[in-house]
Amino acid sequence: MSFPPNPALAPFSLPTPSRFPATSRYARTPVAQWTLGDGTVISYLRRRFVPDPALFATLQVHVVVQGDRLDAVANQYLGDPEQFWRLCDANRVLRPEELTEAVGRRILITLPEGVPGPTDD
């Protein structure tokens, strides 16, 4: 299936994974390309799936209090408010605001995906 050329798309190109900072949720997301009938190449990111929670080692738990904001929670525990997405991944949440909607909710604070936690040796 081919579509007519769209001049507005010609300069469009998403960064390759190496152009995303290592701390970005897209750092390891592959870039794919689609070639239009006229030869125009469109680059795009493949779909990023939320990782399995079993891939995260829990360090501690944060209990949501009135007025909590996810960026502030991420900054408190991870040292960077832009890392809120790590909390979403570890808690299997697609809508970030869901984590702080309910007072009393328990948010798992984890190591990055795939980093093993401490052992009881």
N, C-alpha and C. Protein backbone atom coordinates (compact mmCIF):
# COMPACT_ATOMS: atom_id res chain seq x y z
N MET A 1 0.85 -1.17 0.00
CA MET A 1 0.00 0.00 0.00
C MET A 1 0.89 1.23 0.00
N SER A 2 0.61 2.17 -0.87
CA SER A 2 1.38 3.41 -0.87
C SER A 2 0.43 4.60 -0.78
N PHE A 3 0.97 5.67 -0.25
CA PHE A 3 0.21 6.90 -0.07
C PHE A 3 0.83 7.98 -0.92
N PRO A 4 0.06 8.99 -1.30
CA PRO A 4 0.66 10.08 -2.07
C PRO A 4 1.70 10.81 -1.22
N PRO A 5 2.74 11.35 -1.84
CA PRO A 5 3.78 12.05 -1.08
C PRO A 5 3.18 13.22 -0.30
N ASN A 6 3.70 13.43 0.87
CA ASN A 6 3.28 14.55 1.70
C ASN A 6 4.52 15.39 1.98
N PRO A 7 4.66 16.55 1.34
CA PRO A 7 5.87 17.37 1.49
C PRO A 7 6.13 17.75 2.95
N ALA A 8 5.08 17.84 3.75
CA ALA A 8 5.27 18.23 5.14
C ALA A 8 6.02 17.15 5.92
N LEU A 9 5.96 15.90 5.46
CA LEU A 9 6.64 14.81 6.15
C LEU A 9 8.09 14.64 5.72
N ALA A 10 8.47 15.20 4.59
CA ALA A 10 9.81 14.98 4.06
C ALA A 10 10.92 15.30 5.06
N PRO A 11 10.87 16.43 5.78
CA PRO A 11 11.97 16.72 6.70
C PRO A 11 11.82 16.02 8.05
N PHE A 12 10.70 15.32 8.25
CA PHE A 12 10.41 14.72 9.55
C PHE A 12 11.31 13.52 9.80
N SER A 13 11.94 13.53 10.95
CA SER A 13 12.75 12.39 11.34
C SER A 13 12.90 12.40 12.85
N LEU A 14 12.60 11.28 13.47
CA LEU A 14 12.77 11.17 14.92
C LEU A 14 14.21 10.82 15.23
N PRO A 15 14.67 11.18 16.41
CA PRO A 15 16.04 10.84 16.78
C PRO A 15 16.24 9.33 16.84
N THR A 16 17.45 8.92 16.58
CA THR A 16 17.79 7.52 16.76
C THR A 16 17.98 7.29 18.25
N PRO A 17 17.94 6.04 18.71
CA PRO A 17 18.08 5.79 20.15
C PRO A 17 19.32 6.44 20.75
N SER A 18 20.41 6.51 20.00
CA SER A 18 21.63 7.09 20.55
C SER A 18 21.48 8.58 20.80
N ARG A 19 20.49 9.22 20.21
CA ARG A 19 20.27 10.65 20.43
C ARG A 19 19.43 10.92 21.67
N PHE A 20 18.79 9.90 22.21
CA PHE A 20 18.05 10.08 23.44
C PHE A 20 19.02 9.94 24.60
N PRO A 21 18.85 10.75 25.64
CA PRO A 21 19.72 10.58 26.81
C PRO A 21 19.54 9.18 27.39
N ALA A 22 20.56 8.67 28.03
CA ALA A 22 20.49 7.33 28.62
C ALA A 22 19.38 7.22 29.65
N THR A 23 18.98 8.35 30.25
CA THR A 23 17.92 8.35 31.27
C THR A 23 16.52 8.46 30.68
N SER A 24 16.41 8.54 29.36
CA SER A 24 15.11 8.65 28.71
C SER A 24 14.43 7.29 28.63
N ARG A 25 13.11 7.29 28.76
CA ARG A 25 12.38 6.03 28.61
C ARG A 25 12.49 5.50 27.18
N TYR A 26 12.90 6.33 26.25
CA TYR A 26 13.02 5.92 24.85
C TYR A 26 14.44 5.55 24.45
N ALA A 27 15.38 5.56 25.38
CA ALA A 27 16.79 5.33 25.05
C ALA A 27 17.02 3.98 24.36
N ARG A 28 16.24 2.97 24.75
CA ARG A 28 16.43 1.64 24.16
C ARG A 28 15.32 1.25 23.19
N THR A 29 14.47 2.22 22.83
CA THR A 29 13.38 1.94 21.90
C THR A 29 13.93 1.99 20.47
N PRO A 30 13.77 0.92 19.71
CA PRO A 30 14.32 0.91 18.35
C PRO A 30 13.61 1.91 17.43
N VAL A 31 14.39 2.42 16.50
CA VAL A 31 13.86 3.29 15.46
C VAL A 31 13.64 2.43 14.23
N ALA A 32 12.49 2.61 13.60
CA ALA A 32 12.19 1.89 12.36
C ALA A 32 12.02 2.91 11.24
N GLN A 33 11.99 2.44 10.04
CA GLN A 33 11.80 3.33 8.90
C GLN A 33 10.73 2.77 7.98
N TRP A 34 10.01 3.68 7.38
CA TRP A 34 8.98 3.33 6.42
C TRP A 34 9.27 4.15 5.18
N THR A 35 9.36 3.50 4.04
CA THR A 35 9.66 4.19 2.80
C THR A 35 8.39 4.35 2.00
N LEU A 36 8.07 5.59 1.65
CA LEU A 36 6.89 5.89 0.84
C LEU A 36 7.17 5.51 -0.61
N GLY A 37 6.13 5.46 -1.38
CA GLY A 37 6.26 5.10 -2.79
C GLY A 37 7.20 5.99 -3.57
N ASP A 38 7.32 7.25 -3.15
CA ASP A 38 8.20 8.18 -3.86
C ASP A 38 9.64 8.12 -3.35
N GLY A 39 9.91 7.19 -2.42
CA GLY A 39 11.26 7.05 -1.89
C GLY A 39 11.52 7.83 -0.60
N THR A 40 10.57 8.64 -0.19
CA THR A 40 10.73 9.39 1.06
C THR A 40 10.77 8.41 2.23
N VAL A 41 11.77 8.55 3.07
CA VAL A 41 11.92 7.67 4.22
C VAL A 41 11.41 8.38 5.47
N ILE A 42 10.50 7.72 6.16
CA ILE A 42 9.94 8.25 7.40
C ILE A 42 10.51 7.41 8.54
N SER A 43 11.18 8.05 9.48
CA SER A 43 11.70 7.36 10.66
C SER A 43 10.70 7.52 11.79
N TYR A 44 10.56 6.47 12.57
CA TYR A 44 9.64 6.53 13.71
C TYR A 44 10.12 5.56 14.79
N LEU A 45 9.65 5.80 16.00
CA LEU A 45 9.99 4.90 17.10
C LEU A 45 9.02 3.74 17.10
N ARG A 46 9.55 2.57 17.31
CA ARG A 46 8.68 1.41 17.50
C ARG A 46 7.95 1.56 18.81
N ARG A 47 6.92 0.79 18.99
CA ARG A 47 6.13 0.86 20.21
C ARG A 47 6.97 0.43 21.41
N ARG A 48 6.83 1.17 22.49
CA ARG A 48 7.52 0.83 23.73
C ARG A 48 6.51 0.16 24.66
N PHE A 49 6.82 -1.05 25.08
CA PHE A 49 5.94 -1.78 25.98
C PHE A 49 6.39 -1.55 27.42
N VAL A 50 5.43 -1.46 28.31
CA VAL A 50 5.74 -1.33 29.73
C VAL A 50 6.35 -2.64 30.20
N PRO A 51 7.50 -2.57 30.87
CA PRO A 51 8.17 -3.80 31.28
C PRO A 51 7.40 -4.57 32.36
N ASP A 52 7.73 -5.84 32.48
CA ASP A 52 7.14 -6.71 33.49
C ASP A 52 7.62 -6.24 34.87
N PRO A 53 6.71 -6.03 35.83
CA PRO A 53 7.11 -5.59 37.17
C PRO A 53 8.11 -6.53 37.84
N ALA A 54 8.15 -7.79 37.42
CA ALA A 54 9.11 -8.74 38.00
C ALA A 54 10.55 -8.36 37.68
N LEU A 55 10.75 -7.46 36.73
CA LEU A 55 12.09 -7.03 36.35
C LEU A 55 12.64 -5.93 37.26
N PHE A 56 11.86 -5.53 38.28
CA PHE A 56 12.24 -4.44 39.16
C PHE A 56 12.47 -4.95 40.59
N ALA A 57 13.55 -4.51 41.19
CA ALA A 57 13.84 -4.84 42.59
C ALA A 57 13.37 -3.67 43.46
N THR A 58 12.45 -3.94 44.37
CA THR A 58 11.90 -2.89 45.23
C THR A 58 12.91 -2.51 46.30
N LEU A 59 13.08 -1.21 46.46
CA LEU A 59 13.96 -0.68 47.50
C LEU A 59 13.15 -0.22 48.72
N GLN A 60 12.03 0.44 48.43
CA GLN A 60 11.16 0.92 49.50
C GLN A 60 9.80 1.25 48.92
N VAL A 61 8.91 1.68 49.79
CA VAL A 61 7.54 2.02 49.39
C VAL A 61 7.24 3.44 49.84
N HIS A 62 6.61 4.20 48.97
CA HIS A 62 6.13 5.55 49.30
C HIS A 62 4.62 5.48 49.42
N VAL A 63 4.08 6.01 50.51
CA VAL A 63 2.64 6.07 50.70
C VAL A 63 2.19 7.48 50.34
N VAL A 64 1.28 7.57 49.38
CA VAL A 64 0.81 8.87 48.87
C VAL A 64 0.06 9.63 49.96
N VAL A 65 0.42 10.91 50.09
CA VAL A 65 -0.29 11.81 50.99
C VAL A 65 -0.94 12.91 50.15
N GLN A 66 -1.89 13.60 50.75
CA GLN A 66 -2.59 14.68 50.06
C GLN A 66 -1.58 15.68 49.50
N GLY A 67 -1.72 16.03 48.24
CA GLY A 67 -0.85 17.02 47.61
C GLY A 67 0.39 16.46 46.96
N ASP A 68 0.62 15.16 47.07
CA ASP A 68 1.79 14.56 46.40
C ASP A 68 1.69 14.77 44.90
N ARG A 69 2.84 15.06 44.30
CA ARG A 69 2.95 15.14 42.85
C ARG A 69 4.01 14.13 42.43
N LEU A 70 3.76 13.47 41.33
CA LEU A 70 4.66 12.39 40.91
C LEU A 70 6.06 12.91 40.61
N ASP A 71 6.17 14.09 40.03
CA ASP A 71 7.51 14.62 39.75
C ASP A 71 8.28 14.87 41.05
N ALA A 72 7.58 15.32 42.09
CA ALA A 72 8.23 15.56 43.38
C ALA A 72 8.63 14.23 44.04
N VAL A 73 7.78 13.22 43.91
CA VAL A 73 8.11 11.90 44.46
C VAL A 73 9.33 11.34 43.73
N ALA A 74 9.36 11.46 42.41
CA ALA A 74 10.51 10.98 41.63
C ALA A 74 11.78 11.72 42.04
N ASN A 75 11.68 13.01 42.25
CA ASN A 75 12.84 13.78 42.66
C ASN A 75 13.31 13.36 44.05
N GLN A 76 12.37 13.13 44.95
CA GLN A 76 12.70 12.73 46.32
C GLN A 76 13.47 11.41 46.36
N TYR A 77 13.03 10.44 45.60
CA TYR A 77 13.62 9.10 45.67
C TYR A 77 14.67 8.81 44.60
N LEU A 78 14.49 9.42 43.42
CA LEU A 78 15.39 9.11 42.30
C LEU A 78 16.34 10.25 41.97
N GLY A 79 16.11 11.42 42.60
CA GLY A 79 16.99 12.56 42.39
C GLY A 79 16.76 13.30 41.09
N ASP A 80 15.67 13.00 40.38
CA ASP A 80 15.40 13.65 39.09
C ASP A 80 13.89 13.60 38.83
N PRO A 81 13.23 14.75 38.78
CA PRO A 81 11.78 14.74 38.56
C PRO A 81 11.37 14.18 37.21
N GLU A 82 12.27 14.20 36.23
CA GLU A 82 11.95 13.68 34.91
C GLU A 82 11.98 12.15 34.85
N GLN A 83 12.36 11.52 35.95
CA GLN A 83 12.40 10.06 36.01
C GLN A 83 11.08 9.47 36.52
N PHE A 84 10.02 10.29 36.57
CA PHE A 84 8.70 9.82 37.02
C PHE A 84 8.28 8.57 36.26
N TRP A 85 8.68 8.45 35.02
CA TRP A 85 8.28 7.31 34.18
C TRP A 85 8.81 6.00 34.74
N ARG A 86 9.94 6.05 35.46
CA ARG A 86 10.45 4.81 36.09
C ARG A 86 9.49 4.31 37.16
N LEU A 87 8.87 5.25 37.89
CA LEU A 87 7.89 4.88 38.90
C LEU A 87 6.66 4.28 38.23
N CYS A 88 6.27 4.86 37.10
CA CYS A 88 5.12 4.33 36.35
C CYS A 88 5.41 2.91 35.88
N ASP A 89 6.57 2.69 35.31
CA ASP A 89 6.94 1.35 34.83
C ASP A 89 6.94 0.35 35.97
N ALA A 90 7.58 0.69 37.07
CA ALA A 90 7.72 -0.24 38.19
C ALA A 90 6.39 -0.58 38.84
N ASN A 91 5.41 0.32 38.69
CA ASN A 91 4.10 0.12 39.30
C ASN A 91 3.03 -0.23 38.28
N ARG A 92 3.48 -0.53 37.06
CA ARG A 92 2.61 -0.96 35.95
C ARG A 92 1.45 0.01 35.72
N VAL A 93 1.80 1.30 35.60
CA VAL A 93 0.82 2.36 35.40
C VAL A 93 1.09 3.05 34.08
N LEU A 94 0.04 3.22 33.28
CA LEU A 94 0.19 3.92 31.99
C LEU A 94 -0.10 5.42 32.12
N ARG A 95 -1.02 5.78 33.00
CA ARG A 95 -1.34 7.19 33.23
C ARG A 95 -0.60 7.66 34.48
N PRO A 96 0.43 8.49 34.35
CA PRO A 96 1.23 8.91 35.50
C PRO A 96 0.41 9.46 36.67
N GLU A 97 -0.63 10.23 36.37
CA GLU A 97 -1.42 10.84 37.44
C GLU A 97 -2.12 9.79 38.31
N GLU A 98 -2.28 8.60 37.79
CA GLU A 98 -2.93 7.53 38.54
C GLU A 98 -2.17 7.19 39.83
N LEU A 99 -0.85 7.34 39.81
CA LEU A 99 -0.04 6.97 40.98
C LEU A 99 -0.33 7.85 42.20
N THR A 100 -0.72 9.09 41.98
CA THR A 100 -0.93 9.99 43.13
C THR A 100 -2.38 10.41 43.31
N GLU A 101 -3.30 9.78 42.59
CA GLU A 101 -4.72 10.14 42.69
C GLU A 101 -5.32 9.79 44.05
N ALA A 102 -4.93 8.68 44.61
CA ALA A 102 -5.56 8.20 45.84
C ALA A 102 -4.60 8.29 47.02
N VAL A 103 -4.99 9.07 48.01
CA VAL A 103 -4.22 9.15 49.25
C VAL A 103 -4.15 7.74 49.85
N GLY A 104 -2.97 7.36 50.29
CA GLY A 104 -2.78 6.03 50.86
C GLY A 104 -2.25 4.99 49.88
N ARG A 105 -2.27 5.32 48.59
CA ARG A 105 -1.73 4.37 47.61
C ARG A 105 -0.25 4.13 47.89
N ARG A 106 0.17 2.92 47.69
CA ARG A 106 1.56 2.56 47.90
C ARG A 106 2.28 2.53 46.55
N ILE A 107 3.33 3.33 46.44
CA ILE A 107 4.13 3.40 45.22
C ILE A 107 5.45 2.68 45.48
N LEU A 108 5.73 1.67 44.67
CA LEU A 108 7.01 0.96 44.80
C LEU A 108 8.13 1.83 44.25
N ILE A 109 9.16 1.99 45.04
CA ILE A 109 10.37 2.69 44.60
C ILE A 109 11.38 1.58 44.33
N THR A 110 11.83 1.50 43.09
CA THR A 110 12.66 0.37 42.67
C THR A 110 13.99 0.80 42.07
N LEU A 111 14.84 -0.18 41.92
CA LEU A 111 16.05 0.01 41.12
C LEU A 111 15.61 0.06 39.66
N PRO A 112 16.46 0.55 38.77
CA PRO A 112 16.10 0.55 37.35
C PRO A 112 15.80 -0.87 36.85
N GLU A 113 15.03 -0.95 35.81
CA GLU A 113 14.64 -2.23 35.22
C GLU A 113 15.86 -3.12 35.00
N GLY A 114 15.75 -4.36 35.46
CA GLY A 114 16.80 -5.34 35.23
C GLY A 114 17.98 -5.30 36.17
N VAL A 115 18.05 -4.27 37.04
CA VAL A 115 19.15 -4.20 38.00
C VAL A 115 18.76 -5.04 39.21
N PRO A 116 19.53 -6.07 39.53
CA PRO A 116 19.15 -6.94 40.65
C PRO A 116 19.28 -6.21 41.99
N GLY A 117 18.39 -6.56 42.88
CA GLY A 117 18.42 -5.96 44.21
C GLY A 117 19.38 -6.68 45.13
N PRO A 118 19.48 -6.19 46.35
CA PRO A 118 20.37 -6.84 47.32
C PRO A 118 19.89 -8.24 47.66
N THR A 119 20.83 -9.08 48.01
CA THR A 119 20.48 -10.46 48.41
C THR A 119 20.64 -10.60 49.91
N ASP A 120 20.08 -11.65 50.46
CA ASP A 120 20.15 -11.89 51.91
C ASP A 120 21.27 -12.86 52.26
N ASP A 121 22.39 -12.78 51.57
CA ASP A 121 23.53 -13.69 51.84
C ASP A 121 24.24 -13.33 53.11
